[in-house]
Amino acid sequence: MQEPPGQRRQVRQANVYGTAGSAFGGAVAMAGFLLVLLWLAQRGWRFPMVIAVSPTAPRAIYAIVVATAAGCAVLPVAWRRWLLLCGAAVGYPLVLGAWAIPLAGYAGFVCVLVRTRLPVKLQIAAAVALWCTLPGLRILTDSVSGSQASILAVLWASLIYSALFVIIERRRYPEQASALDELVYFFALPRLAEPFFQPIGGRYFRLRDTVRPSWRLVASGLALGGYGVILSLVVHALATPLPGLPHPLQLLCDFVRFYAMTTSQLFCAVAVFRLLGFDLASGFRQPFVSRSFSEFFRRYNHYVRDAVMALFYFPLLGSLRKTLHPRAAVVLSSFGSIFIGSYLLNDFLVPVVTAVHTRAALRSATAPAHLAVLGVYWSLIVIPPLVALPRRADGRPWLPGLVKIAIFNIVFFLIWLHLGWHHQMKMR
């Protein structure tokens, strides 16, 4: 399968390697950035997820990340992956306690599974079946006790996509990833320091590793981290309704807070990745300048979209186009991949795994009104690109770009309200 042009450009950019000096500068910059995050947490302006374990947990895990980055800067490059894995071996048990054992056991199981001769479909079935044990436990008991539960839930939610990437990419590129590469991918330290569930492909993760960050990458990491800090402050500032504000403007503030909540944690995590030498994209490409829902799907939280395309859409399309009309194959592949990858493994399972009350999250995710509006949203993504819209005699579209952007944002805001995201955000 050929990679999209944007990803080929990104792979070339990742070949800008730094020096030991720039890598050590990245470690120093990371220390400063994480000190800012600690200061914000102490002031009550930001709530890092690891603080749920203990008040000193953020300090400990941040120190491990900085020490690992400094070690990667001053020690031989050949030691880099081992240093990253050693940092994870110290950090994960420190934060998760005994819950690090099932996490490590699952990752080890997948690493062994992909080296068997089982068909890919059986490997996927085995990986999904084992992964479902924790969500099943949460649904049956409506909780998983312990101070590590929230972090474990987010890490476990991200683990299923990581497992699928390892299985699929192992079959497509069998000689590219060693067991050490896969373990470093499963237990990336920034995922523990700033937990997030967005799926990042294993091959993309390796291709974007510059080994030692350049000064350009250090600067981009600090810039993204600064943006993440600003968004965290926005979340704090808009946590309570503003007195005297008209209701429509309050809804708009809630929408801004929702976007800030969605992006701030991811941006801070990707900033740490960049300062470690991984030239990863932020995950959002100015989504609200989109002119259509299909363009928005490519821009908003695009790690989910990239995973949907790579793991589900292209395999489904390859199977269906053998027996169906090309346009019918595209439509069915699009709806099927969005349902599996975006709904089942994101909109459905992530809330079920991460919510405090899993049964309430399960009822919300399967409510008929919620599913109906999701169907409208998916149709707006899939159908319009397949329809040839009329144009003017000179070939220009009827509506200017700014008008399309305005119409899209109004419709998306209405869908956001009807999907219950506004109410879900209020309950967090």
Protein backbone atom coordinates (compact mmCIF):
# COMPACT_ATOMS: atom_id res chain seq x y z
CA MET A 1 0.00 0.00 0.00
CA GLN A 2 1.42 3.35 -1.01
CA GLU A 3 1.72 5.99 1.69
CA PRO A 4 -0.09 9.32 1.23
CA PRO A 5 2.07 12.22 -0.03
CA GLY A 6 1.86 14.05 3.30
CA GLN A 7 3.36 11.09 5.11
CA ARG A 8 6.20 10.80 2.57
CA ARG A 9 7.07 14.44 3.23
CA GLN A 10 7.07 13.78 6.96
CA VAL A 11 9.43 10.83 6.59
CA ARG A 12 11.93 12.99 4.69
CA GLN A 13 11.75 15.71 7.33
CA ALA A 14 12.54 13.17 10.04
CA ASN A 15 15.95 12.59 8.45
CA VAL A 16 17.18 15.91 9.94
CA TYR A 17 19.37 14.53 12.72
CA GLY A 18 20.84 16.51 15.59
CA THR A 19 24.05 16.27 17.58
CA ALA A 20 24.91 15.31 21.13
CA GLY A 21 24.86 19.03 21.97
CA SER A 22 21.38 19.61 20.57
CA ALA A 23 20.13 16.40 22.23
CA PHE A 24 21.47 17.57 25.60
CA GLY A 25 19.88 20.95 24.93
CA GLY A 26 16.63 19.08 24.34
CA ALA A 27 17.00 17.36 27.72
CA VAL A 28 17.56 20.73 29.43
CA ALA A 29 14.59 22.23 27.58
CA MET A 30 12.49 19.24 28.62
CA ALA A 31 13.46 19.76 32.25
CA GLY A 32 12.37 23.40 32.03
CA PHE A 33 9.10 22.49 30.31
CA LEU A 34 8.23 19.80 32.86
CA LEU A 35 9.09 22.19 35.72
CA VAL A 36 6.51 24.58 34.28
CA LEU A 37 3.95 21.76 34.25
CA LEU A 38 4.79 20.95 37.89
CA TRP A 39 4.43 24.61 38.86
CA LEU A 40 1.03 24.79 37.18
CA ALA A 41 -0.06 21.65 39.03
CA GLN A 42 1.07 23.10 42.36
CA ARG A 43 -0.96 26.25 41.70
CA GLY A 44 -4.02 24.14 40.85
CA TRP A 45 -4.11 25.43 37.28
CA ARG A 46 -3.41 22.04 35.72
CA PHE A 47 -4.17 18.52 36.88
CA PRO A 48 -1.68 15.97 35.49
CA MET A 49 -3.20 12.52 35.42
CA VAL A 50 -0.31 10.91 37.30
CA ILE A 51 -1.02 13.09 40.33
CA ALA A 52 -3.92 10.74 41.07
CA VAL A 53 -1.33 8.17 42.18
CA SER A 54 0.34 10.50 44.71
CA PRO A 55 1.28 14.19 44.95
CA THR A 56 4.92 13.30 44.26
CA ALA A 57 4.26 10.99 41.30
CA PRO A 58 4.51 13.72 38.61
CA ARG A 59 7.87 14.84 40.00
CA ALA A 60 9.19 11.27 39.99
CA ILE A 61 8.06 10.34 36.47
CA TYR A 62 9.19 13.68 35.04
CA ALA A 63 12.62 13.14 36.60
CA ILE A 64 12.82 9.70 34.96
CA VAL A 65 11.94 11.17 31.57
CA VAL A 66 14.56 13.94 31.88
CA ALA A 67 17.23 11.49 33.07
CA THR A 68 16.44 9.20 30.13
CA ALA A 69 16.69 12.10 27.68
CA ALA A 70 20.03 13.19 29.17
CA GLY A 71 21.34 9.63 29.01
CA CYS A 72 20.33 9.34 25.35
CA ALA A 73 22.21 12.60 24.67
CA VAL A 74 25.54 11.74 26.29
CA LEU A 75 25.75 7.96 25.86
CA PRO A 76 26.35 6.11 22.56
CA VAL A 77 23.50 6.11 20.07
CA ALA A 78 23.49 2.32 20.03
CA TRP A 79 22.30 2.37 23.63
CA ARG A 80 19.32 4.65 22.92
CA ARG A 81 16.56 2.06 22.64
CA TRP A 82 17.79 0.21 25.71
CA LEU A 83 17.86 3.46 27.68
CA LEU A 84 14.30 4.25 26.62
CA LEU A 85 13.16 0.79 27.65
CA CYS A 86 15.04 0.98 30.98
CA GLY A 87 13.38 4.31 31.73
CA ALA A 88 10.00 2.73 31.02
CA ALA A 89 10.90 -0.31 33.18
CA VAL A 90 11.42 2.06 36.11
CA GLY A 91 8.57 4.47 35.38
CA TYR A 92 5.67 2.16 34.63
CA PRO A 93 5.83 0.11 37.88
CA LEU A 94 6.40 3.34 39.82
CA VAL A 95 3.14 4.82 38.52
CA LEU A 96 0.99 1.73 37.93
CA GLY A 97 2.23 -0.55 40.70
CA ALA A 98 1.08 -4.13 40.21
CA TRP A 99 -1.07 -3.05 37.26
CA ALA A 100 2.13 -2.74 35.22
CA ILE A 101 2.25 -6.56 35.14
CA PRO A 102 -0.86 -7.12 32.94
CA LEU A 103 0.24 -4.21 30.74
CA ALA A 104 3.68 -5.77 30.24
CA GLY A 105 2.16 -9.21 29.88
CA TYR A 106 -0.18 -8.07 27.12
CA ALA A 107 2.60 -6.31 25.20
CA GLY A 108 4.81 -9.40 25.53
CA PHE A 109 1.97 -11.61 24.35
CA VAL A 110 1.52 -9.49 21.20
CA CYS A 111 5.29 -9.49 20.51
CA VAL A 112 5.29 -13.30 20.67
CA LEU A 113 2.01 -13.61 18.76
CA VAL A 114 3.26 -11.70 15.71
CA ARG A 115 6.21 -14.08 15.41
CA THR A 116 4.00 -17.14 15.10
CA ARG A 117 2.70 -18.55 11.83
CA LEU A 118 -0.94 -17.92 12.70
CA PRO A 119 -2.97 -16.06 10.05
CA VAL A 120 -3.31 -12.33 10.66
CA LYS A 121 -7.05 -12.63 11.32
CA LEU A 122 -6.44 -15.14 14.12
CA GLN A 123 -3.70 -12.95 15.58
CA ILE A 124 -6.07 -9.97 15.61
CA ALA A 125 -8.85 -12.07 17.18
CA ALA A 126 -6.52 -13.33 19.92
CA ALA A 127 -5.17 -9.84 20.66
CA VAL A 128 -8.66 -8.29 20.81
CA ALA A 129 -10.05 -11.13 22.96
CA LEU A 130 -7.28 -10.79 25.54
CA TRP A 131 -7.51 -7.00 25.53
CA CYS A 132 -11.26 -7.13 26.23
CA THR A 133 -10.71 -8.74 29.63
CA LEU A 134 -10.22 -5.39 31.38
CA PRO A 135 -13.18 -3.59 29.72
CA GLY A 136 -15.29 -6.66 30.52
CA LEU A 137 -14.18 -6.50 34.15
CA ARG A 138 -15.03 -2.80 34.32
CA ILE A 139 -18.48 -3.32 32.82
CA LEU A 140 -19.26 -6.18 35.22
CA THR A 141 -17.99 -4.42 38.34
CA ASP A 142 -18.63 -0.83 37.17
CA SER A 143 -15.19 0.14 38.47
CA VAL A 144 -11.58 -0.88 38.85
CA SER A 145 -10.32 0.18 42.24
CA GLY A 146 -7.00 1.79 43.04
CA SER A 147 -5.35 5.16 42.55
CA GLN A 148 -3.82 3.97 39.26
CA ALA A 149 -7.21 3.16 37.68
CA SER A 150 -7.55 6.31 35.56
CA ILE A 151 -4.02 6.09 34.13
CA LEU A 152 -4.32 2.36 33.54
CA ALA A 153 -7.61 2.93 31.69
CA VAL A 154 -6.09 5.47 29.28
CA LEU A 155 -2.98 3.35 28.66
CA TRP A 156 -5.10 0.22 28.19
CA ALA A 157 -7.37 2.05 25.74
CA SER A 158 -4.36 3.05 23.63
CA LEU A 159 -2.90 -0.47 23.82
CA ILE A 160 -5.42 -2.11 21.49
CA TYR A 161 -4.54 0.19 18.59
CA SER A 162 -0.82 -0.32 19.29
CA ALA A 163 -1.35 -4.08 19.18
CA LEU A 164 -3.23 -3.88 15.88
CA PHE A 165 -0.52 -1.70 14.37
CA VAL A 166 2.18 -4.17 15.43
CA ILE A 167 0.27 -7.13 13.98
CA ILE A 168 -0.61 -5.49 10.66
CA GLU A 169 2.74 -3.78 10.13
CA ARG A 170 4.67 -6.91 11.07
CA ARG A 171 3.00 -8.68 8.18
CA ARG A 172 3.49 -5.79 5.73
CA TYR A 173 7.10 -4.97 6.74
CA PRO A 174 8.43 -8.15 8.39
CA GLU A 175 12.10 -7.11 8.58
CA GLN A 176 11.70 -3.58 9.89
CA ALA A 177 10.89 -3.97 13.61
CA SER A 178 12.72 -6.02 16.23
CA ALA A 179 11.19 -7.09 19.54
CA LEU A 180 13.13 -4.26 21.19
CA ASP A 181 11.61 -1.74 18.76
CA GLU A 182 8.13 -3.04 19.55
CA LEU A 183 8.65 -2.87 23.32
CA VAL A 184 9.97 0.70 23.09
CA TYR A 185 6.87 1.53 21.04
CA PHE A 186 4.48 -0.11 23.52
CA PHE A 187 6.10 1.54 26.56
CA ALA A 188 6.98 5.01 25.25
CA LEU A 189 7.78 7.19 28.28
CA PRO A 190 5.82 10.29 27.14
CA ARG A 191 2.66 8.18 27.13
CA LEU A 192 3.19 7.60 30.85
CA ALA A 193 4.24 11.14 31.75
CA GLU A 194 1.28 12.69 29.88
CA PRO A 195 -1.16 9.82 29.16
CA PHE A 196 -3.24 10.01 25.97
CA PHE A 197 -5.16 7.41 23.98
CA GLN A 198 -4.63 8.61 20.38
CA PRO A 199 -3.14 5.83 18.23
CA ILE A 200 0.29 6.41 16.72
CA GLY A 201 1.46 3.81 14.22
CA GLY A 202 4.54 1.78 15.10
CA ARG A 203 6.21 2.22 11.72
CA TYR A 204 5.47 5.94 11.75
CA PHE A 205 6.90 6.08 15.29
CA ARG A 206 10.17 4.47 14.13
CA LEU A 207 10.46 6.51 10.94
CA ARG A 208 10.05 9.74 12.91
CA ASP A 209 12.83 8.89 15.35
CA THR A 210 15.69 11.31 14.63
CA VAL A 211 17.82 9.56 17.30
CA ARG A 212 19.05 12.94 18.54
CA PRO A 213 16.77 15.97 18.22
CA SER A 214 18.00 18.89 16.15
CA TRP A 215 17.68 22.45 17.44
CA ARG A 216 14.75 22.90 15.07
CA LEU A 217 12.99 19.94 16.63
CA VAL A 218 13.75 21.21 20.15
CA ALA A 219 12.26 24.59 19.24
CA SER A 220 9.13 23.00 17.72
CA GLY A 221 8.72 20.83 20.81
CA LEU A 222 8.88 23.84 23.11
CA ALA A 223 6.45 25.76 20.90
CA LEU A 224 3.91 22.93 20.92
CA GLY A 225 4.40 22.44 24.66
CA GLY A 226 3.79 26.14 25.22
CA TYR A 227 0.58 25.92 23.22
CA GLY A 228 -0.46 22.92 25.31
CA VAL A 229 0.17 24.94 28.49
CA ILE A 230 -1.99 27.80 27.17
CA LEU A 231 -4.79 25.36 26.39
CA SER A 232 -4.49 23.91 29.90
CA LEU A 233 -4.96 27.40 31.31
CA VAL A 234 -8.01 27.83 29.09
CA VAL A 235 -9.48 24.60 30.53
CA HIS A 236 -8.92 25.95 34.05
CA ALA A 237 -10.27 29.45 33.28
CA LEU A 238 -13.49 28.12 31.70
CA ALA A 239 -14.10 25.36 34.26
CA THR A 240 -17.03 27.27 35.75
CA PRO A 241 -19.67 29.31 33.90
CA LEU A 242 -18.80 32.97 33.54
CA PRO A 243 -21.27 35.13 35.51
CA GLY A 244 -23.56 37.31 33.45
CA LEU A 245 -22.58 35.73 30.13
CA PRO A 246 -25.47 35.13 27.70
CA HIS A 247 -26.29 31.46 27.17
CA PRO A 248 -25.16 31.30 23.49
CA LEU A 249 -21.76 32.76 24.42
CA GLN A 250 -21.51 30.33 27.34
CA LEU A 251 -22.07 27.45 24.93
CA LEU A 252 -19.30 28.84 22.74
CA CYS A 253 -16.99 28.99 25.79
CA ASP A 254 -17.88 25.38 26.57
CA PHE A 255 -17.00 24.44 23.00
CA VAL A 256 -13.62 26.18 23.31
CA ARG A 257 -13.00 24.38 26.60
CA PHE A 258 -13.93 21.06 25.00
CA TYR A 259 -11.34 21.60 22.26
CA ALA A 260 -8.75 22.66 24.84
CA MET A 261 -9.44 19.53 26.92
CA THR A 262 -9.14 17.35 23.84
CA THR A 263 -5.81 18.79 22.71
CA SER A 264 -3.84 20.08 25.73
CA GLN A 265 -2.76 16.69 27.08
CA LEU A 266 -1.84 15.38 23.63
CA PHE A 267 0.15 18.51 22.74
CA CYS A 268 2.15 18.32 25.97
CA ALA A 269 2.87 14.62 25.34
CA VAL A 270 3.94 15.19 21.73
CA ALA A 271 6.16 18.06 22.94
CA VAL A 272 7.97 15.58 25.22
CA PHE A 273 8.25 13.15 22.29
CA ARG A 274 9.87 15.87 20.16
CA LEU A 275 12.33 16.83 22.90
CA LEU A 276 13.27 13.13 23.09
CA GLY A 277 13.97 13.12 19.35
CA PHE A 278 10.69 11.82 17.88
CA ASP A 279 9.53 14.28 15.22
CA LEU A 280 5.81 13.51 15.59
CA ALA A 281 2.92 15.57 14.25
CA SER A 282 0.74 17.34 16.80
CA GLY A 283 -2.37 15.35 15.88
CA PHE A 284 -4.42 18.38 14.80
CA ARG A 285 -3.99 20.33 11.55
CA GLN A 286 -6.01 23.54 12.03
CA PRO A 287 -9.31 21.62 11.88
CA PHE A 288 -11.64 24.62 12.05
CA VAL A 289 -10.49 26.05 8.73
CA SER A 290 -11.95 22.97 7.05
CA ARG A 291 -14.37 23.51 4.17
CA SER A 292 -16.09 20.14 4.50
CA PHE A 293 -16.51 17.28 6.93
CA SER A 294 -14.22 15.03 4.91
CA GLU A 295 -11.48 17.65 5.18
CA PHE A 296 -12.23 18.00 8.91
CA PHE A 297 -11.83 14.22 9.29
CA ARG A 298 -8.31 14.57 7.85
CA ARG A 299 -7.42 17.49 10.13
CA TYR A 300 -9.08 16.84 13.51
CA ASN A 301 -7.45 14.22 15.74
CA HIS A 302 -5.88 12.80 12.61
CA TYR A 303 -4.03 10.00 14.39
CA VAL A 304 -7.40 8.29 14.75
CA ARG A 305 -8.17 8.95 11.08
CA ASP A 306 -4.75 7.64 9.97
CA ALA A 307 -5.28 4.48 12.01
CA VAL A 308 -8.77 3.99 10.56
CA MET A 309 -7.40 4.30 7.04
CA ALA A 310 -4.35 2.07 7.52
CA LEU A 311 -5.89 -0.68 9.64
CA PHE A 312 -9.46 -0.89 8.34
CA TYR A 313 -10.28 1.16 5.24
CA PHE A 314 -7.62 -0.09 2.83
CA PRO A 315 -7.99 -3.79 3.80
CA LEU A 316 -11.80 -3.55 3.51
CA LEU A 317 -11.57 -1.72 0.19
CA GLY A 318 -9.15 -4.32 -1.16
CA SER A 319 -11.61 -7.09 -0.32
CA LEU A 320 -14.86 -5.43 -1.39
CA ARG A 321 -13.74 -4.03 -4.73
CA LYS A 322 -13.22 -7.58 -6.00
CA THR A 323 -16.98 -8.20 -5.96
CA LEU A 324 -18.68 -4.78 -5.82
CA HIS A 325 -18.92 -1.69 -7.99
CA PRO A 326 -15.98 0.64 -7.18
CA ARG A 327 -18.21 3.39 -5.73
CA ALA A 328 -20.20 0.90 -3.62
CA ALA A 329 -16.93 -0.58 -2.35
CA VAL A 330 -15.70 2.88 -1.35
CA VAL A 331 -18.95 3.70 0.48
CA LEU A 332 -19.14 0.41 2.38
CA SER A 333 -15.42 0.48 3.20
CA SER A 334 -15.70 4.05 4.46
CA PHE A 335 -18.70 3.42 6.71
CA GLY A 336 -17.34 0.07 7.90
CA SER A 337 -13.89 1.41 8.76
CA ILE A 338 -15.30 4.49 10.53
CA PHE A 339 -17.69 2.29 12.52
CA ILE A 340 -14.96 -0.13 13.61
CA GLY A 341 -12.02 2.21 14.02
CA SER A 342 -13.60 5.52 15.00
CA TYR A 343 -16.70 4.33 16.88
CA LEU A 344 -16.01 0.90 18.36
CA LEU A 345 -12.34 1.47 19.22
CA ASN A 346 -12.60 5.20 20.02
CA ASP A 347 -16.04 6.71 20.70
CA PHE A 348 -17.32 3.50 22.34
CA LEU A 349 -14.46 1.65 24.01
CA VAL A 350 -12.40 4.64 25.19
CA PRO A 351 -15.21 6.11 27.33
CA VAL A 352 -16.17 2.64 28.57
CA VAL A 353 -12.60 1.89 29.63
CA THR A 354 -11.74 5.33 31.01
CA ALA A 355 -15.03 6.44 32.61
CA VAL A 356 -15.53 6.26 36.38
CA HIS A 357 -18.95 4.63 35.91
CA THR A 358 -18.63 2.34 32.94
CA ARG A 359 -22.28 1.31 32.71
CA ALA A 360 -23.39 4.92 32.40
CA ALA A 361 -20.76 5.46 29.70
CA LEU A 362 -21.96 2.31 27.94
CA ARG A 363 -25.57 3.52 27.94
CA SER A 364 -24.50 6.94 26.65
CA ALA A 365 -22.37 5.49 23.84
CA THR A 366 -25.20 3.21 22.63
CA ALA A 367 -28.14 5.62 22.99
CA PRO A 368 -30.24 5.60 19.76
CA ALA A 369 -30.19 9.41 19.43
CA HIS A 370 -26.41 9.40 19.81
CA LEU A 371 -26.02 6.73 17.12
CA ALA A 372 -28.43 8.54 14.78
CA VAL A 373 -26.49 11.80 14.92
CA LEU A 374 -23.23 9.87 14.50
CA GLY A 375 -24.73 8.36 11.35
CA VAL A 376 -25.45 11.85 10.00
CA TYR A 377 -21.90 12.93 10.88
CA TRP A 378 -20.36 9.92 9.12
CA SER A 379 -22.57 10.47 6.07
CA LEU A 380 -21.33 14.06 5.82
CA ILE A 381 -17.78 12.68 5.80
CA VAL A 382 -18.32 9.89 3.27
CA ILE A 383 -21.01 10.96 0.79
CA PRO A 384 -20.16 14.53 -0.39
CA PRO A 385 -16.71 13.63 -1.83
CA LEU A 386 -18.44 11.06 -4.05
CA VAL A 387 -20.94 13.58 -5.43
CA ALA A 388 -19.96 15.90 -8.28
CA LEU A 389 -21.27 19.30 -7.24
CA PRO A 390 -22.25 21.83 -9.94
CA ARG A 391 -19.78 24.61 -10.71
CA ARG A 392 -19.91 27.94 -12.49
CA ALA A 393 -19.26 28.20 -16.20
CA ASP A 394 -15.66 29.28 -15.50
CA GLY A 395 -15.08 26.18 -13.35
CA ARG A 396 -15.09 27.94 -9.99
CA PRO A 397 -17.28 26.60 -7.14
CA TRP A 398 -20.47 28.47 -6.30
CA LEU A 399 -19.56 29.19 -2.69
CA PRO A 400 -16.36 31.03 -1.69
CA GLY A 401 -13.98 29.25 0.65
CA LEU A 402 -14.75 31.47 3.66
CA VAL A 403 -18.46 30.79 3.29
CA LYS A 404 -17.80 27.03 3.21
CA ILE A 405 -15.69 27.33 6.37
CA ALA A 406 -18.44 29.29 8.13
CA ILE A 407 -21.15 26.80 7.10
CA PHE A 408 -19.03 23.86 8.20
CA ASN A 409 -18.33 25.35 11.65
CA ILE A 410 -22.00 26.14 12.27
CA VAL A 411 -23.13 22.64 11.29
CA PHE A 412 -20.33 21.01 13.28
CA PHE A 413 -21.21 23.06 16.37
CA LEU A 414 -24.83 21.89 16.12
CA ILE A 415 -23.72 18.28 15.74
CA TRP A 416 -21.40 18.71 18.72
CA LEU A 417 -24.34 19.84 20.84
CA HIS A 418 -26.65 17.03 19.71
CA LEU A 419 -24.03 14.32 20.18
CA GLY A 420 -23.94 15.17 23.85
CA TRP A 421 -20.28 16.15 23.87
CA HIS A 422 -21.32 19.37 25.62
CA HIS A 423 -23.04 17.41 28.39
CA GLN A 424 -20.23 14.85 28.62
CA MET A 425 -17.72 17.65 29.09
CA LYS A 426 -19.86 19.12 31.91
CA MET A 427 -19.82 15.77 33.69
CA ARG A 428 -16.03 15.34 33.60
